[in-house]
Amino acid sequence: MNRDPEQAPIVALAPMQDVTDLAFMRTLTRIRCLPDFWMTPYFRSTRTTCVMPDDLLLCIRENPSGLPIWAQLAGSSASSLLRDAESLMQLPIVGINLNVGCPSPLVNRHGAGAALLKNLPLLREITQVLRAQLPRGAWSVKCRLGWENPEEFSKVLDVLCASRPDLLIVHARTRKQLYAGKPNRAAVQLAVQRANCPVLANGDVQSEDDARDWLHEAHPAGLMIGRGLVRNPYLLRRLRGGSAPSPQEMQEYYAILLEETGLLLKRYTPAGHCNRMKKFLAFCYADFSAEAEYALRRCTDPMEMSRLLESGRQFPSAS
């Protein structure tokens, strides 16, 4: 489904385990840089239970923005995924997203995430079962191109399109590539041409130029961005025609994120607070001096971390 050039592209926040949590949602809300919708990191579905961590449930129950939120599920049993989808649909979410892209060896060993790309009959069964039971507008998939090579994607796309998703998100890499290598924009363009639903492109959007190239070359309905928004959440504003962040705004972002990460710790310790913040800073170190990065990686005192975040940034903005 080709994007209407007159319409603004959809921009969504990619689900990232241990990163796109309630603290990050609250931070984006406070700095007034919001995506069009949220998506939780995955709930792990097994034959015996669904792992529903408190931090993921909080993202749904305490959604600070009121914006739509999808719950993502990862699993390899159609009956279990259906059981857990029906349970999650009792919460204030707009729908279920099936994870067909997670490259984690632990997840893949259990046949879930990107491992479903190797088992298309099972993927077909799962997607058909979920489509049959989920209401219109509540079924989506986030996938990679294949397990080994992008040539697998055409057959994957056949299976996914047969389930008539309401939204398809394509991380334009194979599982083998992990997070390295150039995303395959031609594959996303193929999905846009064949899927009868909006298609979002995911992969290496770090700047307004990256976003423009994606939209021009692959024509998706929008973009799903993860690492780029952790590094610079004001990219959301830029993609809607607003200004780049000032140094003061970036300092505000770090200060609010540091505050919010501390508030959500179940058992507070200064070192634990710093370690939680480093989950986010892993995507931001490129914007700091080498000395500041070294100190931030080893910091165990939140007050010292705050000082380093204020003084160590070497670029005025990450546009």
Protein backbone atom coordinates (compact mmCIF):
# COMPACT_ATOMS: atom_id res chain seq x y z
CA MET A 1 0.00 0.00 0.00
CA ASN A 2 1.76 3.14 -1.21
CA ARG A 3 1.95 6.16 1.06
CA ASP A 4 -0.07 9.22 0.13
CA PRO A 5 2.61 11.91 -0.39
CA GLU A 6 0.20 14.51 0.97
CA GLN A 7 0.01 12.76 4.31
CA ALA A 8 2.63 13.11 7.01
CA PRO A 9 4.50 9.84 7.57
CA ILE A 10 3.69 7.79 10.64
CA VAL A 11 6.55 7.79 13.14
CA ALA A 12 6.55 5.11 15.85
CA LEU A 13 8.93 4.17 18.63
CA ALA A 14 10.51 0.76 18.11
CA PRO A 15 10.23 -1.71 21.00
CA MET A 16 13.62 -2.29 22.64
CA GLN A 17 14.03 -4.67 25.56
CA ASP A 18 15.17 -2.91 28.76
CA VAL A 19 15.11 0.47 26.99
CA THR A 20 11.70 1.63 25.75
CA ASP A 21 10.09 1.34 29.16
CA LEU A 22 7.77 3.58 31.15
CA ALA A 23 10.68 5.83 32.14
CA PHE A 24 11.42 6.53 28.48
CA MET A 25 7.71 7.03 27.71
CA ARG A 26 7.43 9.52 30.56
CA THR A 27 10.55 11.31 29.39
CA LEU A 28 9.27 11.76 25.83
CA THR A 29 5.96 12.96 27.21
CA ARG A 30 7.64 15.54 29.42
CA ILE A 31 9.83 16.93 26.63
CA ARG A 32 6.81 16.92 24.28
CA CYS A 33 8.38 14.69 21.63
CA LEU A 34 5.85 11.94 21.07
CA PRO A 35 5.54 9.17 18.46
CA ASP A 36 2.24 8.42 16.75
CA PHE A 37 1.96 5.23 18.78
CA TRP A 38 3.90 3.12 21.28
CA MET A 39 4.75 -0.56 21.17
CA THR A 40 5.81 -2.55 24.21
CA PRO A 41 8.87 -4.77 24.16
CA TYR A 42 7.78 -8.39 23.81
CA PHE A 43 5.86 -10.46 26.30
CA ARG A 44 7.26 -13.99 26.06
CA SER A 45 4.55 -16.56 25.44
CA THR A 46 5.17 -20.24 26.25
CA ARG A 47 2.95 -23.30 26.41
CA THR A 48 2.76 -23.07 30.19
CA THR A 49 2.59 -19.34 30.81
CA CYS A 50 3.07 -15.84 29.49
CA VAL A 51 5.90 -13.89 31.08
CA MET A 52 4.31 -10.54 31.92
CA PRO A 53 6.93 -8.43 33.67
CA ASP A 54 5.68 -5.56 35.78
CA ASP A 55 7.68 -3.02 33.79
CA LEU A 56 5.88 -3.96 30.56
CA LEU A 57 2.46 -3.97 32.20
CA LEU A 58 3.22 -0.52 33.62
CA CYS A 59 3.85 0.75 30.08
CA ILE A 60 0.25 -0.16 29.29
CA ARG A 61 -1.51 0.67 32.53
CA GLU A 62 0.32 3.95 33.18
CA ASN A 63 0.73 5.15 29.58
CA PRO A 64 1.41 8.82 30.34
CA SER A 65 0.48 10.23 26.94
CA GLY A 66 -2.87 8.65 26.14
CA LEU A 67 -1.50 7.67 22.73
CA PRO A 68 -2.31 4.23 21.27
CA ILE A 69 -0.13 1.38 22.48
CA TRP A 70 0.39 -2.07 20.95
CA ALA A 71 1.41 -5.09 23.02
CA GLN A 72 4.07 -7.23 21.37
CA LEU A 73 4.11 -11.02 21.81
CA ALA A 74 6.94 -13.47 21.08
CA GLY A 75 6.30 -17.19 21.00
CA SER A 76 6.13 -20.33 18.87
CA SER A 77 2.80 -21.95 19.83
CA ALA A 78 -0.35 -20.78 18.10
CA SER A 79 -2.62 -21.82 20.96
CA SER A 80 -0.39 -20.16 23.58
CA LEU A 81 -0.08 -16.95 21.60
CA LEU A 82 -3.84 -16.85 21.14
CA ARG A 83 -4.39 -17.40 24.87
CA ASP A 84 -2.03 -14.56 25.73
CA ALA A 85 -3.31 -12.23 23.01
CA GLU A 86 -6.83 -12.59 24.37
CA SER A 87 -5.56 -11.83 27.87
CA LEU A 88 -3.62 -8.75 26.77
CA MET A 89 -6.60 -7.46 24.79
CA GLN A 90 -8.37 -7.00 28.13
CA LEU A 91 -5.88 -4.21 28.87
CA PRO A 92 -6.02 -0.69 27.35
CA ILE A 93 -4.17 -1.51 24.13
CA VAL A 94 -5.13 -1.08 20.48
CA GLY A 95 -3.90 -4.47 19.38
CA ILE A 96 -1.34 -7.27 19.30
CA ASN A 97 1.96 -7.26 17.44
CA LEU A 98 3.68 -10.57 16.68
CA ASN A 99 7.46 -10.49 17.01
CA VAL A 100 8.98 -12.24 13.98
CA GLY A 101 12.35 -10.53 14.20
CA CYS A 102 14.04 -10.80 17.59
CA PRO A 103 17.55 -12.23 16.96
CA SER A 104 18.21 -13.24 20.58
CA PRO A 105 19.71 -16.76 20.70
CA LEU A 106 17.61 -17.54 23.78
CA VAL A 107 14.38 -16.56 22.04
CA ASN A 108 15.39 -18.27 18.79
CA ARG A 109 16.28 -21.55 20.54
CA HIS A 110 12.62 -21.80 21.52
CA GLY A 111 11.49 -21.25 17.94
CA ALA A 112 10.26 -17.71 18.54
CA GLY A 113 11.20 -14.29 17.18
CA ALA A 114 13.29 -14.49 14.04
CA ALA A 115 13.32 -18.31 14.26
CA LEU A 116 9.77 -18.27 12.86
CA LEU A 117 11.33 -17.13 9.58
CA LYS A 118 12.81 -20.64 9.28
CA ASN A 119 9.47 -22.35 9.86
CA LEU A 120 6.96 -20.83 7.46
CA PRO A 121 4.25 -23.47 8.02
CA LEU A 122 4.28 -22.63 11.74
CA LEU A 123 4.37 -18.91 10.98
CA ARG A 124 1.35 -19.37 8.71
CA GLU A 125 -0.54 -21.27 11.42
CA ILE A 126 0.20 -18.64 14.07
CA THR A 127 -0.68 -15.66 11.90
CA GLN A 128 -3.92 -17.24 10.67
CA VAL A 129 -5.03 -18.13 14.20
CA LEU A 130 -4.34 -14.65 15.55
CA ARG A 131 -5.97 -12.93 12.59
CA ALA A 132 -9.11 -15.01 12.98
CA GLN A 133 -9.57 -14.04 16.63
CA LEU A 134 -8.36 -10.43 16.74
CA PRO A 135 -10.76 -7.65 15.79
CA ARG A 136 -10.21 -5.51 12.75
CA GLY A 137 -7.45 -2.97 13.33
CA ALA A 138 -5.85 -4.98 16.14
CA TRP A 139 -3.46 -7.32 14.29
CA SER A 140 0.10 -6.41 13.30
CA VAL A 141 3.45 -8.07 12.63
CA LYS A 142 7.03 -6.87 13.01
CA CYS A 143 9.43 -9.00 10.97
CA ARG A 144 12.88 -9.28 9.48
CA LEU A 145 13.60 -10.23 5.87
CA GLY A 146 14.65 -13.80 6.53
CA TRP A 147 17.02 -15.94 8.54
CA GLU A 148 20.03 -16.09 6.21
CA ASN A 149 19.44 -13.85 3.19
CA PRO A 150 16.94 -11.28 1.90
CA GLU A 151 15.84 -13.57 -0.93
CA GLU A 152 13.74 -15.38 1.68
CA PHE A 153 11.55 -12.34 2.15
CA SER A 154 9.21 -12.93 -0.79
CA LYS A 155 7.97 -16.20 0.72
CA VAL A 156 7.80 -14.66 4.20
CA LEU A 157 5.74 -11.85 2.75
CA ASP A 158 3.36 -14.34 1.13
CA VAL A 159 2.64 -15.85 4.54
CA LEU A 160 2.22 -12.52 6.30
CA CYS A 161 0.02 -10.97 3.63
CA ALA A 162 -2.24 -14.04 3.71
CA SER A 163 -3.11 -13.16 7.32
CA ARG A 164 -4.30 -9.68 6.27
CA PRO A 165 -2.42 -7.68 8.92
CA ASP A 166 -3.66 -4.22 9.78
CA LEU A 167 -0.07 -3.01 10.05
CA LEU A 168 3.24 -4.50 8.89
CA ILE A 169 6.60 -3.33 10.21
CA VAL A 170 9.70 -4.48 8.38
CA HIS A 171 13.16 -4.40 9.95
CA ALA A 172 15.03 -4.47 6.69
CA ARG A 173 17.78 -6.90 7.72
CA THR A 174 18.06 -10.65 8.08
CA ARG A 175 18.57 -12.39 11.38
CA LYS A 176 22.13 -13.20 10.28
CA GLN A 177 22.89 -9.48 9.95
CA LEU A 178 21.70 -8.72 13.49
CA TYR A 179 21.97 -4.91 13.66
CA ALA A 180 24.85 -4.48 11.21
CA GLY A 181 24.92 -3.90 7.49
CA LYS A 182 22.87 -1.55 5.35
CA PRO A 183 19.09 -2.06 5.57
CA ASN A 184 17.53 -3.38 2.36
CA ARG A 185 15.18 -0.65 1.16
CA ALA A 186 14.14 -2.61 -1.93
CA ALA A 187 12.66 -5.28 0.32
CA VAL A 188 10.54 -2.70 2.12
CA GLN A 189 9.40 -1.34 -1.23
CA LEU A 190 8.32 -4.88 -2.16
CA ALA A 191 6.28 -5.08 1.04
CA VAL A 192 4.68 -1.72 0.27
CA GLN A 193 3.65 -2.98 -3.16
CA ARG A 194 2.22 -6.29 -1.96
CA ALA A 195 0.74 -5.66 1.48
CA ASN A 196 -2.81 -4.38 1.70
CA CYS A 197 -2.04 -2.37 4.84
CA PRO A 198 0.31 0.40 5.97
CA VAL A 199 3.96 -0.69 5.99
CA LEU A 200 6.50 0.93 8.30
CA ALA A 201 10.24 0.74 7.63
CA ASN A 202 12.64 0.03 10.49
CA GLY A 203 16.42 0.25 10.42
CA ASP A 204 19.12 2.87 10.94
CA VAL A 205 17.12 6.09 11.00
CA GLN A 206 19.48 8.42 12.84
CA SER A 207 18.72 11.71 11.12
CA GLU A 208 16.24 13.66 9.05
CA ASP A 209 18.25 12.76 5.94
CA ASP A 210 17.98 9.04 6.75
CA ALA A 211 14.23 9.40 7.11
CA ARG A 212 13.91 11.33 3.86
CA ASP A 213 15.90 8.66 2.00
CA TRP A 214 13.71 5.89 3.37
CA LEU A 215 10.50 7.66 2.37
CA HIS A 216 11.81 8.59 -1.07
CA GLU A 217 13.27 5.19 -1.97
CA ALA A 218 10.87 2.69 -0.39
CA HIS A 219 7.65 4.75 -0.01
CA PRO A 220 6.53 3.27 3.32
CA ALA A 221 3.60 4.75 5.21
CA GLY A 222 6.07 5.73 7.89
CA LEU A 223 9.02 4.77 10.01
CA MET A 224 9.65 2.90 13.22
CA ILE A 225 12.73 4.23 14.99
CA GLY A 226 14.52 2.86 18.04
CA ARG A 227 18.17 3.68 18.60
CA GLY A 228 17.94 6.98 16.75
CA LEU A 229 15.23 8.26 19.10
CA VAL A 230 17.09 7.19 22.22
CA ARG A 231 20.08 9.15 20.96
CA ASN A 232 17.99 12.16 19.94
CA PRO A 233 14.25 12.13 20.73
CA TYR A 234 13.89 15.55 19.14
CA LEU A 235 14.23 13.79 15.82
CA LEU A 236 10.47 13.28 16.17
CA ARG A 237 10.08 17.05 16.08
CA ARG A 238 12.41 17.40 13.12
CA LEU A 239 10.45 14.85 11.10
CA ARG A 240 7.34 16.98 11.58
CA GLY A 241 9.00 20.13 10.35
CA GLY A 242 10.22 21.46 13.70
CA SER A 243 13.61 22.66 14.84
CA ALA A 244 16.70 20.73 15.85
CA PRO A 245 17.33 20.51 19.59
CA SER A 246 19.36 23.17 21.33
CA PRO A 247 22.15 22.13 23.71
CA GLN A 248 19.87 23.14 26.57
CA GLU A 249 17.10 20.85 25.33
CA MET A 250 19.46 17.91 25.08
CA GLN A 251 20.63 18.58 28.63
CA GLU A 252 16.98 18.68 29.72
CA TYR A 253 16.41 15.32 28.01
CA TYR A 254 19.29 13.67 29.85
CA ALA A 255 18.27 15.23 33.17
CA ILE A 256 14.65 14.07 32.88
CA LEU A 257 15.66 10.59 31.75
CA LEU A 258 18.08 10.30 34.67
CA GLU A 259 15.30 11.33 37.05
CA GLU A 260 12.70 8.97 35.56
CA THR A 261 14.99 5.93 35.49
CA GLY A 262 15.64 6.37 39.20
CA LEU A 263 11.95 6.62 40.06
CA LEU A 264 11.14 3.20 38.59
CA LEU A 265 13.85 1.15 40.30
CA LYS A 266 12.32 -1.46 42.59
CA ARG A 267 15.33 -1.41 44.89
CA TYR A 268 17.23 1.84 44.68
CA THR A 269 21.00 2.04 44.87
CA PRO A 270 23.13 4.80 43.30
CA ALA A 271 25.14 2.27 41.29
CA GLY A 272 21.98 0.52 40.15
CA HIS A 273 20.53 3.84 39.04
CA CYS A 274 23.64 4.58 36.96
CA ASN A 275 23.62 1.10 35.46
CA ARG A 276 19.98 1.53 34.43
CA MET A 277 20.80 4.84 32.76
CA LYS A 278 23.69 3.26 30.86
CA LYS A 279 21.17 1.12 28.95
CA PHE A 280 20.13 4.36 27.25
CA LEU A 281 23.54 6.00 27.09
CA ALA A 282 24.88 3.05 25.07
CA PHE A 283 23.19 4.72 22.09
CA CYS A 284 24.37 8.25 22.96
CA TYR A 285 28.10 7.92 23.61
CA ALA A 286 28.99 9.03 20.07
CA ASP A 287 27.85 12.54 21.01
CA PHE A 288 30.23 12.81 23.97
CA SER A 289 33.94 13.40 24.21
CA ALA A 290 36.13 10.34 24.66
CA GLU A 291 36.91 11.43 28.20
CA ALA A 292 33.24 11.88 29.08
CA GLU A 293 32.32 8.52 27.58
CA TYR A 294 35.03 6.79 29.59
CA ALA A 295 33.81 8.43 32.78
CA LEU A 296 30.12 7.76 32.07
CA ARG A 297 30.74 4.07 31.43
CA ARG A 298 32.37 3.76 34.85
CA CYS A 299 30.16 6.13 36.80
CA THR A 300 28.37 4.83 39.90
CA ASP A 301 27.12 8.13 41.33
CA PRO A 302 23.99 9.74 39.79
CA MET A 303 25.11 13.24 40.77
CA GLU A 304 28.43 12.74 39.01
CA MET A 305 26.60 11.26 36.03
CA SER A 306 24.41 14.36 35.88
CA ARG A 307 27.50 16.56 35.84
CA LEU A 308 29.10 14.52 33.08
CA LEU A 309 25.93 14.64 30.98
CA GLU A 310 25.87 18.42 31.27
CA SER A 311 29.54 18.99 30.49
CA GLY A 312 30.69 16.12 28.29
CA ARG A 313 28.53 16.47 25.19
CA GLN A 314 30.68 17.59 22.27
CA PHE A 315 28.03 18.35 19.63
CA PRO A 316 25.29 20.97 19.88
CA SER A 317 22.69 18.57 18.46
CA ALA A 318 22.28 15.12 16.92
CA SER A 319 20.19 16.07 13.91
